[in-house]
Amino acid sequence: MQEDPFEYMKKEEIPKEFYSDLENAPFCSCTFCNKDLLSGSELYMIEKSYKINPVNDKRNTIFEYAICASCSFRKMQAMSEESVQNIQAYMQEKFVIDDWDSSRKLHFERCVVTGKPVSELEEYNMIGQFIGNEMIIGQFPVVMSPSIGEELQELLSQQTKDEFDDFMSTINNVPPELKELFKSKRPVLV
């Protein structure tokens, strides 16, 4: 019998916050390569970006996607050494990790960098790590205010930005509206 390499990770059922809005269910496949995500054979990440409607205080999804570890790895390979070093230094300096071993609820209450409560943010991104139909609890999930994504983008070398643009153009399964949005509002993970 083959041992499950993920059995010792703290996991829980995928929260509805990370469900696909289109399907009102967990993401079934990678947005970029269409690989099955629920089989449990590979880690994957989900990023969702939200904006709060000031009129009714309802949360509206700006974009959402799931990316398998293989696509994420290909994207990471495209990063220059300078970009990797810049992002690692930023994360070590800025990310507040005191509560990462606590309950998942804390992960959704405030920005991981600024500490600002989600209730005070007009817009924010949620990022989680998953295996099969479960969310992995640890360094993820996190909430980040949009300024953090912008700061991370500024840390990327021009070489990496060009590589990311090339990466996005080689992926055929991304919906056109998402590709268009990514030109002006780049996600944190891609």
C-alpha atoms as a PDB file:
ATOM      1  CA  MET A   1       0.000   0.000   0.000  1.00  0.00           C
ATOM      2  CA  GLN A   2       1.366   3.404  -1.014  1.00  0.00           C
ATOM      3  CA  GLU A   3       1.744   5.960   1.778  1.00  0.00           C
ATOM      4  CA  ASP A   4      -0.107   9.261   1.389  1.00  0.00           C
ATOM      5  CA  PRO A   5       2.559  12.010   1.355  1.00  0.00           C
ATOM      6  CA  PHE A   6      -0.053  14.529   2.518  1.00  0.00           C
ATOM      7  CA  GLU A   7      -1.532  12.543   5.420  1.00  0.00           C
ATOM      8  CA  TYR A   8       0.308  14.476   8.145  1.00  0.00           C
ATOM      9  CA  MET A   9      -0.790  17.894   6.918  1.00  0.00           C
ATOM     10  CA  LYS A  10      -3.586  19.633   8.799  1.00  0.00           C
ATOM     11  CA  LYS A  11      -6.534  19.701   6.389  1.00  0.00           C
ATOM     12  CA  GLU A  12     -10.225  20.485   6.369  1.00  0.00           C
ATOM     13  CA  GLU A  13     -13.086  20.508   3.914  1.00  0.00           C
ATOM     14  CA  ILE A  14     -12.811  23.242   1.285  1.00  0.00           C
ATOM     15  CA  PRO A  15     -14.632  26.306   2.656  1.00  0.00           C
ATOM     16  CA  LYS A  16     -17.320  27.845   0.469  1.00  0.00           C
ATOM     17  CA  GLU A  17     -15.215  31.025   0.253  1.00  0.00           C
ATOM     18  CA  PHE A  18     -12.969  29.070  -2.142  1.00  0.00           C
ATOM     19  CA  TYR A  19     -15.743  27.559  -4.264  1.00  0.00           C
ATOM     20  CA  SER A  20     -15.962  28.510  -7.918  1.00  0.00           C
ATOM     21  CA  ASP A  21     -18.605  31.193  -8.329  1.00  0.00           C
ATOM     22  CA  LEU A  22     -19.516  29.796 -11.749  1.00  0.00           C
ATOM     23  CA  GLU A  23     -20.165  26.288 -10.446  1.00  0.00           C
ATOM     24  CA  ASN A  24     -21.071  27.078  -6.819  1.00  0.00           C
ATOM     25  CA  ALA A  25     -18.867  24.078  -5.994  1.00  0.00           C
ATOM     26  CA  PRO A  26     -15.163  23.354  -5.500  1.00  0.00           C
ATOM     27  CA  PHE A  27     -12.926  23.956  -8.517  1.00  0.00           C
ATOM     28  CA  CYS A  28     -12.657  20.656 -10.413  1.00  0.00           C
ATOM     29  CA  SER A  29      -9.833  21.509 -12.799  1.00  0.00           C
ATOM     30  CA  CYS A  30      -6.841  23.798 -13.233  1.00  0.00           C
ATOM     31  CA  THR A  31      -7.901  27.020 -14.929  1.00  0.00           C
ATOM     32  CA  PHE A  32      -4.739  26.915 -17.037  1.00  0.00           C
ATOM     33  CA  CYS A  33      -4.235  23.280 -18.142  1.00  0.00           C
ATOM     34  CA  ASN A  34      -7.598  21.695 -17.231  1.00  0.00           C
ATOM     35  CA  LYS A  35      -5.941  19.014 -15.046  1.00  0.00           C
ATOM     36  CA  ASP A  36      -8.296  17.264 -12.610  1.00  0.00           C
ATOM     37  CA  LEU A  37      -7.780  18.800  -9.162  1.00  0.00           C
ATOM     38  CA  LEU A  38     -10.103  16.680  -7.068  1.00  0.00           C
ATOM     39  CA  SER A  39      -8.273  13.383  -7.662  1.00  0.00           C
ATOM     40  CA  GLY A  40      -5.861  14.301  -4.862  1.00  0.00           C
ATOM     41  CA  SER A  41      -2.750  13.555  -6.886  1.00  0.00           C
ATOM     42  CA  GLU A  42      -1.346  17.095  -6.896  1.00  0.00           C
ATOM     43  CA  LEU A  43      -1.342  20.224  -4.745  1.00  0.00           C
ATOM     44  CA  TYR A  44      -3.054  23.294  -6.133  1.00  0.00           C
ATOM     45  CA  MET A  45      -3.752  26.895  -5.182  1.00  0.00           C
ATOM     46  CA  ILE A  46      -6.874  29.000  -5.521  1.00  0.00           C
ATOM     47  CA  GLU A  47      -6.869  32.774  -5.663  1.00  0.00           C
ATOM     48  CA  LYS A  48     -10.040  34.818  -5.461  1.00  0.00           C
ATOM     49  CA  SER A  49     -10.199  38.595  -5.625  1.00  0.00           C
ATOM     50  CA  TYR A  50     -13.127  40.408  -4.055  1.00  0.00           C
ATOM     51  CA  LYS A  51     -14.463  43.954  -4.089  1.00  0.00           C
ATOM     52  CA  ILE A  52     -17.061  45.153  -1.596  1.00  0.00           C
ATOM     53  CA  ASN A  53     -20.046  46.979  -3.067  1.00  0.00           C
ATOM     54  CA  PRO A  54     -20.295  50.208  -1.002  1.00  0.00           C
ATOM     55  CA  VAL A  55     -24.050  50.447  -1.598  1.00  0.00           C
ATOM     56  CA  ASN A  56     -25.053  47.082  -0.128  1.00  0.00           C
ATOM     57  CA  ASP A  57     -21.794  45.836   1.474  1.00  0.00           C
ATOM     58  CA  LYS A  58     -22.005  42.641  -0.605  1.00  0.00           C
ATOM     59  CA  ARG A  59     -18.807  40.926  -1.680  1.00  0.00           C
ATOM     60  CA  ASN A  60     -18.420  40.659  -5.468  1.00  0.00           C
ATOM     61  CA  THR A  61     -15.829  38.436  -7.106  1.00  0.00           C
ATOM     62  CA  ILE A  62     -13.476  40.293  -9.449  1.00  0.00           C
ATOM     63  CA  PHE A  63     -11.658  37.146 -10.569  1.00  0.00           C
ATOM     64  CA  GLU A  64     -11.028  33.600  -9.421  1.00  0.00           C
ATOM     65  CA  TYR A  65      -8.851  30.769 -10.624  1.00  0.00           C
ATOM     66  CA  ALA A  66      -7.250  27.508  -9.556  1.00  0.00           C
ATOM     67  CA  ILE A  67      -3.687  26.646 -10.561  1.00  0.00           C
ATOM     68  CA  CYS A  68      -2.173  23.168 -10.233  1.00  0.00           C
ATOM     69  CA  ALA A  69       1.336  22.718  -8.837  1.00  0.00           C
ATOM     70  CA  SER A  70       2.688  21.836 -12.300  1.00  0.00           C
ATOM     71  CA  CYS A  71       1.481  25.102 -13.864  1.00  0.00           C
ATOM     72  CA  SER A  72       2.614  27.041 -10.797  1.00  0.00           C
ATOM     73  CA  PHE A  73       6.054  25.416 -11.007  1.00  0.00           C
ATOM     74  CA  ARG A  74       6.340  26.323 -14.703  1.00  0.00           C
ATOM     75  CA  LYS A  75       5.449  29.888 -13.818  1.00  0.00           C
ATOM     76  CA  MET A  76       7.989  29.979 -10.981  1.00  0.00           C
ATOM     77  CA  GLN A  77      10.716  28.703 -13.311  1.00  0.00           C
ATOM     78  CA  ALA A  78      10.109  31.793 -15.424  1.00  0.00           C
ATOM     79  CA  MET A  79      11.065  34.081 -12.524  1.00  0.00           C
ATOM     80  CA  SER A  80      14.489  35.677 -12.553  1.00  0.00           C
ATOM     81  CA  GLU A  81      16.801  35.100  -9.595  1.00  0.00           C
ATOM     82  CA  GLU A  82      16.464  38.803  -8.756  1.00  0.00           C
ATOM     83  CA  SER A  83      12.666  38.531  -8.535  1.00  0.00           C
ATOM     84  CA  VAL A  84      12.819  35.408  -6.355  1.00  0.00           C
ATOM     85  CA  GLN A  85      15.235  37.096  -3.937  1.00  0.00           C
ATOM     86  CA  ASN A  86      13.133  40.276  -3.824  1.00  0.00           C
ATOM     87  CA  ILE A  87       9.923  38.381  -3.050  1.00  0.00           C
ATOM     88  CA  GLN A  88      11.563  36.157  -0.419  1.00  0.00           C
ATOM     89  CA  ALA A  89      13.000  39.214   1.347  1.00  0.00           C
ATOM     90  CA  TYR A  90       9.610  40.965   1.204  1.00  0.00           C
ATOM     91  CA  MET A  91       7.784  37.968   2.651  1.00  0.00           C
ATOM     92  CA  GLN A  92      10.305  37.502   5.463  1.00  0.00           C
ATOM     93  CA  GLU A  93      10.066  41.165   6.381  1.00  0.00           C
ATOM     94  CA  LYS A  94       6.357  41.821   5.922  1.00  0.00           C
ATOM     95  CA  PHE A  95       4.281  38.675   6.386  1.00  0.00           C
ATOM     96  CA  VAL A  96       2.745  38.399   9.871  1.00  0.00           C
ATOM     97  CA  ILE A  97       2.868  34.696  10.688  1.00  0.00           C
ATOM     98  CA  ASP A  98       2.102  34.696  14.428  1.00  0.00           C
ATOM     99  CA  ASP A  99      -1.325  33.112  14.006  1.00  0.00           C
ATOM    100  CA  TRP A 100      -0.587  30.710  11.127  1.00  0.00           C
ATOM    101  CA  ASP A 101      -0.798  27.706  13.423  1.00  0.00           C
ATOM    102  CA  SER A 102      -4.086  28.894  14.908  1.00  0.00           C
ATOM    103  CA  SER A 103      -7.561  28.350  13.568  1.00  0.00           C
ATOM    104  CA  ARG A 104      -8.445  28.946   9.929  1.00  0.00           C
ATOM    105  CA  LYS A 105     -10.890  31.630  11.038  1.00  0.00           C
ATOM    106  CA  LEU A 106      -7.996  33.930  11.933  1.00  0.00           C
ATOM    107  CA  HIS A 107      -6.630  33.605   8.407  1.00  0.00           C
ATOM    108  CA  PHE A 108      -9.791  35.197   6.994  1.00  0.00           C
ATOM    109  CA  GLU A 109     -10.026  38.053   9.503  1.00  0.00           C
ATOM    110  CA  ARG A 110      -7.129  40.300   8.452  1.00  0.00           C
ATOM    111  CA  CYS A 111      -4.512  41.016   5.823  1.00  0.00           C
ATOM    112  CA  VAL A 112      -1.442  38.849   6.384  1.00  0.00           C
ATOM    113  CA  VAL A 113       0.864  41.838   5.751  1.00  0.00           C
ATOM    114  CA  THR A 114      -0.857  44.954   7.060  1.00  0.00           C
ATOM    115  CA  GLY A 115      -2.902  43.284   9.791  1.00  0.00           C
ATOM    116  CA  LYS A 116      -5.862  45.396   8.649  1.00  0.00           C
ATOM    117  CA  PRO A 117      -9.213  43.682   9.347  1.00  0.00           C
ATOM    118  CA  VAL A 118     -11.042  42.414   6.258  1.00  0.00           C
ATOM    119  CA  SER A 119     -14.085  44.415   7.378  1.00  0.00           C
ATOM    120  CA  GLU A 120     -12.060  47.597   6.686  1.00  0.00           C
ATOM    121  CA  LEU A 121     -10.911  46.548   3.201  1.00  0.00           C
ATOM    122  CA  GLU A 122     -12.821  47.616   0.105  1.00  0.00           C
ATOM    123  CA  GLU A 123     -11.016  44.988  -1.938  1.00  0.00           C
ATOM    124  CA  TYR A 124      -8.901  41.944  -1.070  1.00  0.00           C
ATOM    125  CA  ASN A 125      -7.480  38.677  -2.361  1.00  0.00           C
ATOM    126  CA  MET A 126      -7.829  35.275  -0.696  1.00  0.00           C
ATOM    127  CA  ILE A 127      -5.321  32.551  -1.452  1.00  0.00           C
ATOM    128  CA  GLY A 128      -5.498  28.953  -0.291  1.00  0.00           C
ATOM    129  CA  GLN A 129      -3.588  25.718  -0.822  1.00  0.00           C
ATOM    130  CA  PHE A 130      -5.439  22.463  -1.478  1.00  0.00           C
ATOM    131  CA  ILE A 131      -5.095  18.750  -2.142  1.00  0.00           C
ATOM    132  CA  GLY A 132      -8.056  16.896  -3.611  1.00  0.00           C
ATOM    133  CA  ASN A 133     -11.223  18.082  -1.898  1.00  0.00           C
ATOM    134  CA  GLU A 134      -9.455  19.491   1.182  1.00  0.00           C
ATOM    135  CA  MET A 135      -7.799  22.765   2.125  1.00  0.00           C
ATOM    136  CA  ILE A 136      -4.367  22.551   3.728  1.00  0.00           C
ATOM    137  CA  ILE A 137      -4.025  24.618   6.894  1.00  0.00           C
ATOM    138  CA  GLY A 138      -0.619  26.138   7.588  1.00  0.00           C
ATOM    139  CA  GLN A 139       0.924  29.065   5.764  1.00  0.00           C
ATOM    140  CA  PHE A 140      -2.365  29.345   3.881  1.00  0.00           C
ATOM    141  CA  PRO A 141      -5.070  30.446   3.626  1.00  0.00           C
ATOM    142  CA  VAL A 142      -4.199  34.132   3.602  1.00  0.00           C
ATOM    143  CA  VAL A 143      -5.994  37.382   2.893  1.00  0.00           C
ATOM    144  CA  MET A 144      -4.073  40.205   1.245  1.00  0.00           C
ATOM    145  CA  SER A 145      -5.141  43.752   0.551  1.00  0.00           C
ATOM    146  CA  PRO A 146      -4.697  44.772  -3.116  1.00  0.00           C
ATOM    147  CA  SER A 147      -1.787  47.046  -2.288  1.00  0.00           C
ATOM    148  CA  ILE A 148       0.246  43.953  -1.337  1.00  0.00           C
ATOM    149  CA  GLY A 149      -0.237  42.415  -4.782  1.00  0.00           C
ATOM    150  CA  GLU A 150       0.835  45.715  -6.306  1.00  0.00           C
ATOM    151  CA  GLU A 151       3.922  45.828  -4.062  1.00  0.00           C
ATOM    152  CA  LEU A 152       4.814  42.257  -5.045  1.00  0.00           C
ATOM    153  CA  GLN A 153       4.459  43.143  -8.735  1.00  0.00           C
ATOM    154  CA  GLU A 154       6.876  46.045  -8.236  1.00  0.00           C
ATOM    155  CA  LEU A 155       9.474  43.589  -6.894  1.00  0.00           C
ATOM    156  CA  LEU A 156       9.500  41.654 -10.152  1.00  0.00           C
ATOM    157  CA  SER A 157      12.277  42.322 -12.621  1.00  0.00           C
ATOM    158  CA  GLN A 158      11.274  43.324 -16.142  1.00  0.00           C
ATOM    159  CA  GLN A 159      12.617  39.953 -17.295  1.00  0.00           C
ATOM    160  CA  THR A 160      10.172  38.159 -14.985  1.00  0.00           C
ATOM    161  CA  LYS A 161       7.250  40.375 -16.023  1.00  0.00           C
ATOM    162  CA  ASP A 162       8.011  39.574 -19.668  1.00  0.00           C
ATOM    163  CA  GLU A 163       8.278  35.850 -18.860  1.00  0.00           C
ATOM    164  CA  PHE A 164       4.928  35.941 -17.027  1.00  0.00           C
ATOM    165  CA  ASP A 165       3.300  37.645 -20.000  1.00  0.00           C
ATOM    166  CA  ASP A 166       4.753  34.929 -22.250  1.00  0.00           C
ATOM    167  CA  PHE A 167       3.533  32.259 -19.817  1.00  0.00           C
ATOM    168  CA  MET A 168       0.007  33.667 -19.876  1.00  0.00           C
ATOM    169  CA  SER A 169      -0.016  33.816 -23.676  1.00  0.00           C
ATOM    170  CA  THR A 170       0.943  30.118 -23.983  1.00  0.00           C
ATOM    171  CA  ILE A 171      -1.989  28.946 -21.884  1.00  0.00           C
ATOM    172  CA  ASN A 172      -5.036  28.296 -23.991  1.00  0.00           C
ATOM    173  CA  ASN A 173      -7.686  27.350 -21.444  1.00  0.00           C
ATOM    174  CA  VAL A 174      -7.898  30.686 -19.635  1.00  0.00           C
ATOM    175  CA  PRO A 175     -11.197  32.441 -20.341  1.00  0.00           C
ATOM    176  CA  PRO A 176     -10.648  35.541 -22.547  1.00  0.00           C
ATOM    177  CA  GLU A 177     -12.176  37.885 -19.965  1.00  0.00           C
ATOM    178  CA  LEU A 178      -9.708  36.597 -17.340  1.00  0.00           C
ATOM    179  CA  LYS A 179      -6.734  37.034 -19.698  1.00  0.00           C
ATOM    180  CA  GLU A 180      -7.889  40.585 -20.451  1.00  0.00           C
ATOM    181  CA  LEU A 181      -8.292  41.373 -16.752  1.00  0.00           C
ATOM    182  CA  PHE A 182      -4.819  39.968 -15.967  1.00  0.00           C
ATOM    183  CA  LYS A 183      -3.284  42.584 -18.289  1.00  0.00           C
ATOM    184  CA  SER A 184      -4.353  45.387 -15.956  1.00  0.00           C
ATOM    185  CA  LYS A 185      -4.810  43.604 -12.625  1.00  0.00           C
ATOM    186  CA  ARG A 186      -2.290  40.824 -12.258  1.00  0.00           C
ATOM    187  CA  PRO A 187      -3.144  38.119  -9.736  1.00  0.00           C
ATOM    188  CA  VAL A 188      -0.694  37.406  -6.933  1.00  0.00           C
ATOM    189  CA  LEU A 189       0.028  33.818  -7.977  1.00  0.00           C
ATOM    190  CA  VAL A 190       0.284  34.290 -11.753  1.00  0.00           C
END
